[in-house]
Every structure is written in structure tokens, then in C-alpha cells.
Amino acid sequence: KNMKQCQSALLKLTKHRYSWPFMEPVDPIKLEIPDYFDVIKNPMDLGTIGAKLTKGKYKDEDDFASDIRLVWKNALTYNPPNSDVAVMAKTLSDLFEKNFKTLKTQLRQKRKVEMTWE
């Protein structure tokens, strides 16, 4: 329940032109970054988040948001601040936070309405 809004938020991110580096798990061999897993202990990507969402693995929207934020945190931790990937992560992070704030407001209003009907 209420995960339809999360699905929509994820779709907005995946359709963004900057989303491609974050769509699947980082492959340190293909990308020639052998130290990736030494630096990043909890890898996360938008494809994995989509699969978890489809399988109902998130308990609520905040649980979902923490995985989304982990994608950006990892990108910003591993990549230099002005690198393309860091700039892309920051752009998508800002977009997500703006959309997530709206989503939270909508869910709060929906919960109030549901409570008045109970």
C-alpha cells in the first residue's frame, strides 16, 4: 500500500537523462575500479530498488527513500566532487528530495482522510 507513489518517484528518476550510471549494480571489473567494494560497503542501484519495490520488500516510503539516498551517497562517496557521476548524482538527489517531499505530504493527507473514515 502507498507504494504506488514510490513507484512513480522511481519512474521519474529512471526516465531522467542522468539516470543511466545508477540503473544497475556497479561492476568494478567492467569499470576498472577494483577498490569499489573496499570503499562502498552497501552498494545500491535503481534497478535493485525497482525489483525490491515490485517484490514488496519495503515496509514504507521512508524505507524506500533510504535506499534511494544510498545510491547518491555511494556515488558521492566514491567519485570526486566535480566528476560527471557526482554531478549527476547530486542532480538526481535534488530531484528526488523535491518529489519525495510532495509524496510525503500527499501520503499524510491520504492517511488523515483514511483515519476519518475508520
PDB file of N, CA and C in Angstrom:
ATOM      1  N   LYS A   1       0.843  -1.206   0.000  1.00  0.00           N
ATOM      2  CA  LYS A   1       0.000   0.000   0.000  1.00  0.00           C
ATOM      3  C   LYS A   1       0.871   1.247   0.000  1.00  0.00           C
ATOM      4  N   ASN A   2       0.373   2.282  -0.576  1.00  0.00           N
ATOM      5  CA  ASN A   2       1.089   3.569  -0.676  1.00  0.00           C
ATOM      6  C   ASN A   2       2.403   3.486  -1.443  1.00  0.00           C
ATOM      7  N   MET A   3       2.689   2.325  -2.007  1.00  0.00           N
ATOM      8  CA  MET A   3       3.951   2.191  -2.717  1.00  0.00           C
ATOM      9  C   MET A   3       3.811   2.609  -4.180  1.00  0.00           C
ATOM     10  N   LYS A   4       2.571   2.868  -4.606  1.00  0.00           N
ATOM     11  CA  LYS A   4       2.361   3.356  -5.973  1.00  0.00           C
ATOM     12  C   LYS A   4       3.081   4.692  -6.181  1.00  0.00           C
ATOM     13  N   GLN A   5       3.027   5.546  -5.150  1.00  0.00           N
ATOM     14  CA  GLN A   5       3.716   6.833  -5.231  1.00  0.00           C
ATOM     15  C   GLN A   5       5.224   6.632  -5.312  1.00  0.00           C
ATOM     16  N   CYS A   6       5.738   5.627  -4.607  1.00  0.00           N
ATOM     17  CA  CYS A   6       7.174   5.327  -4.656  1.00  0.00           C
ATOM     18  C   CYS A   6       7.550   4.840  -6.052  1.00  0.00           C
ATOM     19  N   GLN A   7       6.704   4.016  -6.636  1.00  0.00           N
ATOM     20  CA  GLN A   7       6.918   3.521  -7.995  1.00  0.00           C
ATOM     21  C   GLN A   7       6.994   4.706  -8.965  1.00  0.00           C
ATOM     22  N   SER A   8       6.110   5.655  -8.766  1.00  0.00           N
ATOM     23  CA  SER A   8       6.072   6.843  -9.609  1.00  0.00           C
ATOM     24  C   SER A   8       7.336   7.696  -9.416  1.00  0.00           C
ATOM     25  N   ALA A   9       7.782   7.849  -8.185  1.00  0.00           N
ATOM     26  CA  ALA A   9       9.005   8.606  -7.893  1.00  0.00           C
ATOM     27  C   ALA A   9      10.213   7.929  -8.535  1.00  0.00           C
ATOM     28  N   LEU A  10      10.255   6.603  -8.467  1.00  0.00           N
ATOM     29  CA  LEU A  10      11.351   5.849  -9.075  1.00  0.00           C
ATOM     30  C   LEU A  10      11.332   6.003 -10.597  1.00  0.00           C
ATOM     31  N   LEU A  11      10.146   5.960 -11.172  1.00  0.00           N
ATOM     32  CA  LEU A  11       9.998   6.118 -12.621  1.00  0.00           C
ATOM     33  C   LEU A  11      10.520   7.481 -13.085  1.00  0.00           C
ATOM     34  N   LYS A  12      10.204   8.530 -12.320  1.00  0.00           N
ATOM     35  CA  LYS A  12      10.713   9.871 -12.656  1.00  0.00           C
ATOM     36  C   LYS A  12      12.244   9.869 -12.686  1.00  0.00           C
ATOM     37  N   LEU A  13      12.845   9.180 -11.722  1.00  0.00           N
ATOM     38  CA  LEU A  13      14.309   9.122 -11.674  1.00  0.00           C
ATOM     39  C   LEU A  13      14.864   8.329 -12.846  1.00  0.00           C
ATOM     40  N   THR A  14      14.283   7.160 -13.117  1.00  0.00           N
ATOM     41  CA  THR A  14      14.829   6.288 -14.158  1.00  0.00           C
ATOM     42  C   THR A  14      14.652   6.882 -15.553  1.00  0.00           C
ATOM     43  N   LYS A  15      13.668   7.763 -15.724  1.00  0.00           N
ATOM     44  CA  LYS A  15      13.458   8.400 -17.032  1.00  0.00           C
ATOM     45  C   LYS A  15      14.364   9.612 -17.236  1.00  0.00           C
ATOM     46  N   HIS A  16      14.996  10.069 -16.169  1.00  0.00           N
ATOM     47  CA  HIS A  16      15.874  11.245 -16.274  1.00  0.00           C
ATOM     48  C   HIS A  16      17.115  10.892 -17.094  1.00  0.00           C
ATOM     49  N   ARG A  17      17.605  11.841 -17.875  1.00  0.00           N
ATOM     50  CA  ARG A  17      18.759  11.569 -18.748  1.00  0.00           C
ATOM     51  C   ARG A  17      20.035  11.264 -17.976  1.00  0.00           C
ATOM     52  N   TYR A  18      20.083  11.611 -16.710  1.00  0.00           N
ATOM     53  CA  TYR A  18      21.271  11.329 -15.890  1.00  0.00           C
ATOM     54  C   TYR A  18      21.204   9.986 -15.157  1.00  0.00           C
ATOM     55  N   SER A  19      20.146   9.236 -15.332  1.00  0.00           N
ATOM     56  CA  SER A  19      19.965   8.033 -14.510  1.00  0.00           C
ATOM     57  C   SER A  19      20.828   6.844 -14.917  1.00  0.00           C
ATOM     58  N   TRP A  20      21.336   6.825 -16.148  1.00  0.00           N
ATOM     59  CA  TRP A  20      21.985   5.615 -16.670  1.00  0.00           C
ATOM     60  C   TRP A  20      23.115   5.052 -15.792  1.00  0.00           C
ATOM     61  N   PRO A  21      23.965   5.863 -15.128  1.00  0.00           N
ATOM     62  CA  PRO A  21      25.022   5.220 -14.333  1.00  0.00           C
ATOM     63  C   PRO A  21      24.486   4.498 -13.088  1.00  0.00           C
ATOM     64  N   PHE A  22      23.230   4.770 -12.728  1.00  0.00           N
ATOM     65  CA  PHE A  22      22.675   4.267 -11.477  1.00  0.00           C
ATOM     66  C   PHE A  22      21.628   3.167 -11.677  1.00  0.00           C
ATOM     67  N   MET A  23      21.480   2.702 -12.918  1.00  0.00           N
ATOM     68  CA  MET A  23      20.406   1.770 -13.242  1.00  0.00           C
ATOM     69  C   MET A  23      20.687   0.325 -12.834  1.00  0.00           C
ATOM     70  N   GLU A  24      21.956  -0.043 -12.730  1.00  0.00           N
ATOM     71  CA  GLU A  24      22.286  -1.418 -12.344  1.00  0.00           C
ATOM     72  C   GLU A  24      23.477  -1.405 -11.399  1.00  0.00           C
ATOM     73  N   PRO A  25      23.711  -2.534 -10.720  1.00  0.00           N
ATOM     74  CA  PRO A  25      24.831  -2.572  -9.776  1.00  0.00           C
ATOM     75  C   PRO A  25      26.159  -2.185 -10.439  1.00  0.00           C
ATOM     76  N   VAL A  26      26.993  -1.492  -9.682  1.00  0.00           N
ATOM     77  CA  VAL A  26      28.316  -1.115 -10.176  1.00  0.00           C
ATOM     78  C   VAL A  26      29.120  -2.386 -10.434  1.00  0.00           C
ATOM     79  N   ASP A  27      29.737  -2.464 -11.600  1.00  0.00           N
ATOM     80  CA  ASP A  27      30.594  -3.593 -11.955  1.00  0.00           C
ATOM     81  C   ASP A  27      32.052  -3.110 -11.917  1.00  0.00           C
ATOM     82  N   PRO A  28      32.756  -3.369 -10.792  1.00  0.00           N
ATOM     83  CA  PRO A  28      34.117  -2.858 -10.631  1.00  0.00           C
ATOM     84  C   PRO A  28      35.101  -3.374 -11.679  1.00  0.00           C
ATOM     85  N   ILE A  29      34.838  -4.560 -12.237  1.00  0.00           N
ATOM     86  CA  ILE A  29      35.744  -5.120 -13.247  1.00  0.00           C
ATOM     87  C   ILE A  29      35.546  -4.391 -14.569  1.00  0.00           C
ATOM     88  N   LYS A  30      34.285  -4.302 -15.003  1.00  0.00           N
ATOM     89  CA  LYS A  30      33.983  -3.612 -16.254  1.00  0.00           C
ATOM     90  C   LYS A  30      34.427  -2.143 -16.205  1.00  0.00           C
ATOM     91  N   LEU A  31      34.226  -1.509 -15.052  1.00  0.00           N
ATOM     92  CA  LEU A  31      34.549  -0.086 -14.907  1.00  0.00           C
ATOM     93  C   LEU A  31      36.011   0.158 -14.498  1.00  0.00           C
ATOM     94  N   GLU A  32      36.728  -0.943 -14.275  1.00  0.00           N
ATOM     95  CA  GLU A  32      38.144  -0.865 -13.877  1.00  0.00           C
ATOM     96  C   GLU A  32      38.352  -0.023 -12.619  1.00  0.00           C
ATOM     97  N   ILE A  33      37.532  -0.327 -11.620  1.00  0.00           N
ATOM     98  CA  ILE A  33      37.651   0.328 -10.308  1.00  0.00           C
ATOM     99  C   ILE A  33      37.692  -0.763  -9.223  1.00  0.00           C
ATOM    100  N   PRO A  34      38.811  -1.495  -9.154  1.00  0.00           N
ATOM    101  CA  PRO A  34      38.891  -2.657  -8.267  1.00  0.00           C
ATOM    102  C   PRO A  34      38.689  -2.353  -6.778  1.00  0.00           C
ATOM    103  N   ASP A  35      38.865  -1.108  -6.366  1.00  0.00           N
ATOM    104  CA  ASP A  35      38.700  -0.770  -4.946  1.00  0.00           C
ATOM    105  C   ASP A  35      37.268  -0.397  -4.571  1.00  0.00           C
ATOM    106  N   TYR A  36      36.335  -0.480  -5.515  1.00  0.00           N
ATOM    107  CA  TYR A  36      34.964  -0.015  -5.256  1.00  0.00           C
ATOM    108  C   TYR A  36      34.369  -0.611  -3.984  1.00  0.00           C
ATOM    109  N   PHE A  37      34.460  -1.939  -3.836  1.00  0.00           N
ATOM    110  CA  PHE A  37      33.842  -2.583  -2.674  1.00  0.00           C
ATOM    111  C   PHE A  37      34.646  -2.393  -1.386  1.00  0.00           C
ATOM    112  N   ASP A  38      35.875  -1.900  -1.510  1.00  0.00           N
ATOM    113  CA  ASP A  38      36.636  -1.519  -0.310  1.00  0.00           C
ATOM    114  C   ASP A  38      36.087  -0.202   0.240  1.00  0.00           C
ATOM    115  N   VAL A  39      35.649   0.651  -0.659  1.00  0.00           N
ATOM    116  CA  VAL A  39      35.150   1.978  -0.283  1.00  0.00           C
ATOM    117  C   VAL A  39      33.648   1.935   0.011  1.00  0.00           C
ATOM    118  N   ILE A  40      32.895   1.241  -0.838  1.00  0.00           N
ATOM    119  CA  ILE A  40      31.428   1.189  -0.732  1.00  0.00           C
ATOM    120  C   ILE A  40      31.005  -0.160  -0.145  1.00  0.00           C
ATOM    121  N   LYS A  41      30.535  -0.118   1.092  1.00  0.00           N
ATOM    122  CA  LYS A  41      30.174  -1.357   1.802  1.00  0.00           C
ATOM    123  C   LYS A  41      28.737  -1.806   1.538  1.00  0.00           C
ATOM    124  N   ASN A  42      27.858  -0.867   1.197  1.00  0.00           N
ATOM    125  CA  ASN A  42      26.449  -1.194   0.941  1.00  0.00           C
ATOM    126  C   ASN A  42      26.022  -0.689  -0.429  1.00  0.00           C
ATOM    127  N   PRO A  43      26.396  -1.406  -1.489  1.00  0.00           N
ATOM    128  CA  PRO A  43      26.029  -0.940  -2.828  1.00  0.00           C
ATOM    129  C   PRO A  43      24.512  -0.942  -3.033  1.00  0.00           C
ATOM    130  N   MET A  44      24.043   0.004  -3.832  1.00  0.00           N
ATOM    131  CA  MET A  44      22.620   0.078  -4.161  1.00  0.00           C
ATOM    132  C   MET A  44      22.486   0.768  -5.512  1.00  0.00           C
ATOM    133  N   ASP A  45      21.461   0.382  -6.266  1.00  0.00           N
ATOM    134  CA  ASP A  45      21.207   0.973  -7.578  1.00  0.00           C
ATOM    135  C   ASP A  45      19.702   1.017  -7.824  1.00  0.00           C
ATOM    136  N   LEU A  46      19.296   1.796  -8.805  1.00  0.00           N
ATOM    137  CA  LEU A  46      17.866   1.994  -9.076  1.00  0.00           C
ATOM    138  C   LEU A  46      17.183   0.725  -9.560  1.00  0.00           C
ATOM    139  N   GLY A  47      17.903  -0.129 -10.301  1.00  0.00           N
ATOM    140  CA  GLY A  47      17.324  -1.397 -10.758  1.00  0.00           C
ATOM    141  C   GLY A  47      16.994  -2.320  -9.596  1.00  0.00           C
ATOM    142  N   THR A  48      17.907  -2.399  -8.637  1.00  0.00           N
ATOM    143  CA  THR A  48      17.686  -3.221  -7.442  1.00  0.00           C
ATOM    144  C   THR A  48      16.514  -2.662  -6.633  1.00  0.00           C
ATOM    145  N   ILE A  49      16.431  -1.344  -6.533  1.00  0.00           N
ATOM    146  CA  ILE A  49      15.324  -0.709  -5.814  1.00  0.00           C
ATOM    147  C   ILE A  49      13.995  -1.038  -6.501  1.00  0.00           C
ATOM    148  N   GLY A  50      13.977  -0.986  -7.831  1.00  0.00           N
ATOM    149  CA  GLY A  50      12.768  -1.335  -8.580  1.00  0.00           C
ATOM    150  C   GLY A  50      12.326  -2.767  -8.313  1.00  0.00           C
ATOM    151  N   ALA A  51      13.292  -3.682  -8.287  1.00  0.00           N
ATOM    152  CA  ALA A  51      12.983  -5.095  -8.022  1.00  0.00           C
ATOM    153  C   ALA A  51      12.448  -5.276  -6.600  1.00  0.00           C
ATOM    154  N   LYS A  52      13.080  -4.601  -5.641  1.00  0.00           N
ATOM    155  CA  LYS A  52      12.616  -4.695  -4.242  1.00  0.00           C
ATOM    156  C   LYS A  52      11.211  -4.118  -4.094  1.00  0.00           C
ATOM    157  N   LEU A  53      10.950  -3.039  -4.810  1.00  0.00           N
ATOM    158  CA  LEU A  53       9.628  -2.396  -4.768  1.00  0.00           C
ATOM    159  C   LEU A  53       8.570  -3.348  -5.326  1.00  0.00           C
ATOM    160  N   THR A  54       8.873  -3.968  -6.466  1.00  0.00           N
ATOM    161  CA  THR A  54       7.951  -4.908  -7.109  1.00  0.00           C
ATOM    162  C   THR A  54       7.659  -6.108  -6.201  1.00  0.00           C
ATOM    163  N   LYS A  55       8.682  -6.561  -5.474  1.00  0.00           N
ATOM    164  CA  LYS A  55       8.517  -7.721  -4.588  1.00  0.00           C
ATOM    165  C   LYS A  55       7.956  -7.360  -3.213  1.00  0.00           C
ATOM    166  N   GLY A  56       7.649  -6.089  -2.997  1.00  0.00           N
ATOM    167  CA  GLY A  56       7.070  -5.665  -1.715  1.00  0.00           C
ATOM    168  C   GLY A  56       8.043  -5.721  -0.546  1.00  0.00           C
ATOM    169  N   LYS A  57       9.310  -5.482  -0.809  1.00  0.00           N
ATOM    170  CA  LYS A  57      10.344  -5.592   0.230  1.00  0.00           C
ATOM    171  C   LYS A  57      10.463  -4.361   1.132  1.00  0.00           C
ATOM    172  N   TYR A  58       9.817  -3.251   0.762  1.00  0.00           N
ATOM    173  CA  TYR A  58       9.907  -2.036   1.580  1.00  0.00           C
ATOM    174  C   TYR A  58       8.726  -1.949   2.529  1.00  0.00           C
ATOM    175  N   LYS A  59       9.008  -1.637   3.803  1.00  0.00           N
ATOM    176  CA  LYS A  59       7.913  -1.561   4.773  1.00  0.00           C
ATOM    177  C   LYS A  59       7.106  -0.265   4.632  1.00  0.00           C
ATOM    178  N   ASP A  60       7.778   0.802   4.164  1.00  0.00           N
ATOM    179  CA  ASP A  60       7.079   2.072   3.946  1.00  0.00           C
ATOM    180  C   ASP A  60       7.913   2.969   3.033  1.00  0.00           C
ATOM    181  N   GLU A  61       7.386   4.169   2.776  1.00  0.00           N
ATOM    182  CA  GLU A  61       8.067   5.078   1.855  1.00  0.00           C
ATOM    183  C   GLU A  61       9.427   5.558   2.384  1.00  0.00           C
ATOM    184  N   ASP A  62       9.581   5.605   3.698  1.00  0.00           N
ATOM    185  CA  ASP A  62      10.869   6.036   4.263  1.00  0.00           C
ATOM    186  C   ASP A  62      11.949   4.973   4.056  1.00  0.00           C
ATOM    187  N   ASP A  63      11.543   3.729   4.138  1.00  0.00           N
ATOM    188  CA  ASP A  63      12.446   2.600   3.882  1.00  0.00           C
ATOM    189  C   ASP A  63      12.938   2.664   2.422  1.00  0.00           C
ATOM    190  N   PHE A  64      12.008   2.915   1.516  1.00  0.00           N
ATOM    191  CA  PHE A  64      12.305   3.094   0.096  1.00  0.00           C
ATOM    192  C   PHE A  64      13.264   4.272  -0.107  1.00  0.00           C
ATOM    193  N   ALA A  65      12.958   5.393   0.517  1.00  0.00           N
ATOM    194  CA  ALA A  65      13.770   6.607   0.368  1.00  0.00           C
ATOM    195  C   ALA A  65      15.196   6.394   0.868  1.00  0.00           C
ATOM    196  N   SER A  66      15.365   5.598   1.912  1.00  0.00           N
ATOM    197  CA  SER A  66      16.725   5.392   2.432  1.00  0.00           C
ATOM    198  C   SER A  66      17.584   4.637   1.418  1.00  0.00           C
ATOM    199  N   ASP A  67      16.996   3.713   0.653  1.00  0.00           N
ATOM    200  CA  ASP A  67      17.757   3.033  -0.407  1.00  0.00           C
ATOM    201  C   ASP A  67      18.078   3.995  -1.557  1.00  0.00           C
ATOM    202  N   ILE A  68      17.117   4.836  -1.929  1.00  0.00           N
ATOM    203  CA  ILE A  68      17.356   5.831  -2.985  1.00  0.00           C
ATOM    204  C   ILE A  68      18.520   6.732  -2.570  1.00  0.00           C
ATOM    205  N   ARG A  69      18.471   7.197  -1.337  1.00  0.00           N
ATOM    206  CA  ARG A  69      19.526   8.093  -0.836  1.00  0.00           C
ATOM    207  C   ARG A  69      20.877   7.394  -0.787  1.00  0.00           C
ATOM    208  N   LEU A  70      20.861   6.094  -0.537  1.00  0.00           N
ATOM    209  CA  LEU A  70      22.102   5.320  -0.514  1.00  0.00           C
ATOM    210  C   LEU A  70      22.788   5.310  -1.887  1.00  0.00           C
ATOM    211  N   VAL A  71      21.990   5.271  -2.954  1.00  0.00           N
ATOM    212  CA  VAL A  71      22.552   5.319  -4.314  1.00  0.00           C
ATOM    213  C   VAL A  71      23.392   6.586  -4.475  1.00  0.00           C
ATOM    214  N   TRP A  72      22.810   7.731  -4.090  1.00  0.00           N
ATOM    215  CA  TRP A  72      23.510   9.018  -4.246  1.00  0.00           C
ATOM    216  C   TRP A  72      24.703   9.114  -3.297  1.00  0.00           C
ATOM    217  N   LYS A  73      24.501   8.644  -2.064  1.00  0.00           N
ATOM    218  CA  LYS A  73      25.582   8.695  -1.067  1.00  0.00           C
ATOM    219  C   LYS A  73      26.793   7.906  -1.566  1.00  0.00           C
ATOM    220  N   ASN A  74      26.543   6.712  -2.098  1.00  0.00           N
ATOM    221  CA  ASN A  74      27.629   5.889  -2.627  1.00  0.00           C
ATOM    222  C   ASN A  74      28.350   6.588  -3.778  1.00  0.00           C
ATOM    223  N   ALA A  75      27.574   7.157  -4.690  1.00  0.00           N
ATOM    224  CA  ALA A  75      28.163   7.845  -5.852  1.00  0.00           C
ATOM    225  C   ALA A  75      29.011   9.027  -5.400  1.00  0.00           C
ATOM    226  N   LEU A  76      28.507   9.769  -4.425  1.00  0.00           N
ATOM    227  CA  LEU A  76      29.220  10.950  -3.945  1.00  0.00           C
ATOM    228  C   LEU A  76      30.410  10.577  -3.061  1.00  0.00           C
ATOM    229  N   THR A  77      30.360   9.415  -2.437  1.00  0.00           N
ATOM    230  CA  THR A  77      31.478   8.936  -1.622  1.00  0.00           C
ATOM    231  C   THR A  77      32.614   8.454  -2.513  1.00  0.00           C
ATOM    232  N   TYR A  78      32.272   7.712  -3.550  1.00  0.00           N
ATOM    233  CA  TYR A  78      33.311   7.091  -4.386  1.00  0.00           C
ATOM    234  C   TYR A  78      33.912   8.044  -5.421  1.00  0.00           C
ATOM    235  N   ASN A  79      33.095   8.902  -5.995  1.00  0.00           N
ATOM    236  CA  ASN A  79      33.544   9.752  -7.112  1.00  0.00           C
ATOM    237  C   ASN A  79      33.982  11.139  -6.649  1.00  0.00           C
ATOM    238  N   PRO A  80      34.973  11.727  -7.316  1.00  0.00           N
ATOM    239  CA  PRO A  80      35.403  13.090  -6.981  1.00  0.00           C
ATOM    240  C   PRO A  80      34.244  14.078  -7.114  1.00  0.00           C
ATOM    241  N   PRO A  81      34.207  15.118  -6.268  1.00  0.00           N
ATOM    242  CA  PRO A  81      33.069  16.051  -6.206  1.00  0.00           C
ATOM    243  C   PRO A  81      32.628  16.657  -7.536  1.00  0.00           C
ATOM    244  N   ASN A  82      33.547  16.979  -8.424  1.00  0.00           N
ATOM    245  CA  ASN A  82      33.144  17.611  -9.685  1.00  0.00           C
ATOM    246  C   ASN A  82      33.089  16.652 -10.863  1.00  0.00           C
ATOM    247  N   SER A  83      33.189  15.354 -10.586  1.00  0.00           N
ATOM    248  CA  SER A  83      33.118  14.368 -11.666  1.00  0.00           C
ATOM    249  C   SER A  83      31.696  14.323 -12.225  1.00  0.00           C
ATOM    250  N   ASP A  84      31.565  13.815 -13.451  1.00  0.00           N
ATOM    251  CA  ASP A  84      30.242  13.702 -14.077  1.00  0.00           C
ATOM    252  C   ASP A  84      29.276  12.906 -13.202  1.00  0.00           C
ATOM    253  N   VAL A  85      29.744  11.776 -12.683  1.00  0.00           N
ATOM    254  CA  VAL A  85      28.859  10.907 -11.883  1.00  0.00           C
ATOM    255  C   VAL A  85      28.394  11.634 -10.619  1.00  0.00           C
ATOM    256  N   ALA A  86      29.284  12.372  -9.969  1.00  0.00           N
ATOM    257  CA  ALA A  86      28.906  13.112  -8.760  1.00  0.00           C
ATOM    258  C   ALA A  86      27.882  14.196  -9.078  1.00  0.00           C
ATOM    259  N   VAL A  87      28.099  14.907 -10.172  1.00  0.00           N
ATOM    260  CA  VAL A  87      27.158  15.963 -10.584  1.00  0.00           C
ATOM    261  C   VAL A  87      25.797  15.343 -10.918  1.00  0.00           C
ATOM    262  N   MET A  88      25.814  14.215 -11.609  1.00  0.00           N
ATOM    263  CA  MET A  88      24.565  13.519 -11.967  1.00  0.00           C
ATOM    264  C   MET A  88      23.843  13.051 -10.703  1.00  0.00           C
ATOM    265  N   ALA A  89      24.594  12.485  -9.762  1.00  0.00           N
ATOM    266  CA  ALA A  89      24.008  12.006  -8.502  1.00  0.00           C
ATOM    267  C   ALA A  89      23.388  13.163  -7.728  1.00  0.00           C
ATOM    268  N   LYS A  90      24.082  14.275  -7.661  1.00  0.00           N
ATOM    269  CA  LYS A  90      23.577  15.450  -6.927  1.00  0.00           C
ATOM    270  C   LYS A  90      22.298  15.975  -7.585  1.00  0.00           C
ATOM    271  N   THR A  91      22.288  16.032  -8.904  1.00  0.00           N
ATOM    272  CA  THR A  91      21.109  16.496  -9.642  1.00  0.00           C
ATOM    273  C   THR A  91      19.906  15.595  -9.355  1.00  0.00           C
ATOM    274  N   LEU A  92      20.118  14.284  -9.431  1.00  0.00           N
ATOM    275  CA  LEU A  92      19.029  13.331  -9.189  1.00  0.00           C
ATOM    276  C   LEU A  92      18.610  13.336  -7.722  1.00  0.00           C
ATOM    277  N   SER A  93      19.554  13.522  -6.828  1.00  0.00           N
ATOM    278  CA  SER A  93      19.239  13.604  -5.404  1.00  0.00           C
ATOM    279  C   SER A  93      18.316  14.790  -5.135  1.00  0.00           C
ATOM    280  N   ASP A  94      18.657  15.941  -5.703  1.00  0.00           N
ATOM    281  CA  ASP A  94      17.818  17.132  -5.525  1.00  0.00           C
ATOM    282  C   ASP A  94      16.419  16.914  -6.094  1.00  0.00           C
ATOM    283  N   LEU A  95      16.351  16.299  -7.270  1.00  0.00           N
ATOM    284  CA  LEU A  95      15.068  15.988  -7.898  1.00  0.00           C
ATOM    285  C   LEU A  95      14.252  15.048  -6.999  1.00  0.00           C
ATOM    286  N   PHE A  96      14.909  14.008  -6.496  1.00  0.00           N
ATOM    287  CA  PHE A  96      14.210  13.047  -5.640  1.00  0.00           C
ATOM    288  C   PHE A  96      13.688  13.715  -4.374  1.00  0.00           C
ATOM    289  N   GLU A  97      14.522  14.518  -3.714  1.00  0.00           N
ATOM    290  CA  GLU A  97      14.101  15.144  -2.452  1.00  0.00           C
ATOM    291  C   GLU A  97      12.898  16.052  -2.658  1.00  0.00           C
ATOM    292  N   LYS A  98      12.882  16.769  -3.776  1.00  0.00           N
ATOM    293  CA  LYS A  98      11.746  17.641  -4.090  1.00  0.00           C
ATOM    294  C   LYS A  98      10.481  16.795  -4.292  1.00  0.00           C
ATOM    295  N   ASN A  99      10.603  15.730  -5.080  1.00  0.00           N
ATOM    296  CA  ASN A  99       9.455  14.844  -5.337  1.00  0.00           C
ATOM    297  C   ASN A  99       9.026  14.092  -4.081  1.00  0.00           C
ATOM    298  N   PHE A 100       9.995  13.690  -3.263  1.00  0.00           N
ATOM    299  CA  PHE A 100       9.682  12.915  -2.064  1.00  0.00           C
ATOM    300  C   PHE A 100       8.948  13.772  -1.039  1.00  0.00           C
ATOM    301  N   LYS A 101       9.308  15.038  -0.958  1.00  0.00           N
ATOM    302  CA  LYS A 101       8.620  15.959  -0.039  1.00  0.00           C
ATOM    303  C   LYS A 101       7.141  16.044  -0.421  1.00  0.00           C
ATOM    304  N   THR A 102       6.857  16.160  -1.713  1.00  0.00           N
ATOM    305  CA  THR A 102       5.475  16.201  -2.216  1.00  0.00           C
ATOM    306  C   THR A 102       4.771  14.880  -1.912  1.00  0.00           C
ATOM    307  N   LEU A 103       5.455  13.770  -2.162  1.00  0.00           N
ATOM    308  CA  LEU A 103       4.901  12.436  -1.909  1.00  0.00           C
ATOM    309  C   LEU A 103       4.519  12.280  -0.438  1.00  0.00           C
ATOM    310  N   LYS A 104       5.412  12.710   0.465  1.00  0.00           N
ATOM    311  CA  LYS A 104       5.139  12.605   1.910  1.00  0.00           C
ATOM    312  C   LYS A 104       3.906  13.426   2.293  1.00  0.00           C
ATOM    313  N   THR A 105       3.784  14.615   1.728  1.00  0.00           N
ATOM    314  CA  THR A 105       2.629  15.485   2.007  1.00  0.00           C
ATOM    315  C   THR A 105       1.347  14.803   1.541  1.00  0.00           C
ATOM    316  N   GLN A 106       1.380  14.237   0.325  1.00  0.00           N
ATOM    317  CA  GLN A 106       0.196  13.547  -0.212  1.00  0.00           C
ATOM    318  C   GLN A 106      -0.181  12.353   0.660  1.00  0.00           C
ATOM    319  N   LEU A 107       0.811  11.586   1.100  1.00  0.00           N
ATOM    320  CA  LEU A 107       0.525  10.407   1.925  1.00  0.00           C
ATOM    321  C   LEU A 107      -0.022  10.806   3.296  1.00  0.00           C
ATOM    322  N   ARG A 108       0.501  11.898   3.854  1.00  0.00           N
ATOM    323  CA  ARG A 108      -0.010  12.387   5.153  1.00  0.00           C
ATOM    324  C   ARG A 108      -1.477  12.768   5.025  1.00  0.00           C
ATOM    325  N   GLN A 109      -1.820  13.462   3.941  1.00  0.00           N
ATOM    326  CA  GLN A 109      -3.210  13.867   3.722  1.00  0.00           C
ATOM    327  C   GLN A 109      -4.103  12.645   3.513  1.00  0.00           C
ATOM    328  N   LYS A 110      -3.593  11.673   2.762  1.00  0.00           N
ATOM    329  CA  LYS A 110      -4.353  10.451   2.496  1.00  0.00           C
ATOM    330  C   LYS A 110      -4.603   9.687   3.801  1.00  0.00           C
ATOM    331  N   ARG A 111      -3.596   9.619   4.658  1.00  0.00           N
ATOM    332  CA  ARG A 111      -3.746   8.916   5.946  1.00  0.00           C
ATOM    333  C   ARG A 111      -4.762   9.604   6.836  1.00  0.00           C
ATOM    334  N   LYS A 112      -4.776  10.943   6.809  1.00  0.00           N
ATOM    335  CA  LYS A 112      -5.756  11.690   7.609  1.00  0.00           C
ATOM    336  C   LYS A 112      -7.165  11.348   7.141  1.00  0.00           C
ATOM    337  N   VAL A 113      -7.362  11.324   5.827  1.00  0.00           N
ATOM    338  CA  VAL A 113      -8.676  11.003   5.252  1.00  0.00           C
ATOM    339  C   VAL A 113      -9.067   9.576   5.638  1.00  0.00           C
ATOM    340  N   GLU A 114      -8.124   8.631   5.540  1.00  0.00           N
ATOM    341  CA  GLU A 114      -8.419   7.238   5.901  1.00  0.00           C
ATOM    342  C   GLU A 114      -8.796   7.116   7.355  1.00  0.00           C
ATOM    343  N   MET A 115      -8.135   7.880   8.213  1.00  0.00           N
ATOM    344  CA  MET A 115      -8.427   7.826   9.655  1.00  0.00           C
ATOM    345  C   MET A 115      -9.820   8.361   9.965  1.00  0.00           C
ATOM    346  N   THR A 116     -10.249   9.386   9.246  1.00  0.00           N
ATOM    347  CA  THR A 116     -11.576   9.946   9.500  1.00  0.00           C
ATOM    348  C   THR A 116     -12.688   8.987   9.051  1.00  0.00           C
ATOM    349  N   TRP A 117     -12.386   8.085   8.157  1.00  0.00           N
ATOM    350  CA  TRP A 117     -13.367   7.109   7.667  1.00  0.00           C
ATOM    351  C   TRP A 117     -13.422   5.861   8.520  1.00  0.00           C
ATOM    352  N   GLU A 118     -12.442   5.673   9.376  1.00  0.00           N
ATOM    353  CA  GLU A 118     -12.417   4.426  10.180  1.00  0.00           C
ATOM    354  C   GLU A 118     -13.371   4.496  11.347  1.00  0.00           C
TER     355      GLU A 118
END
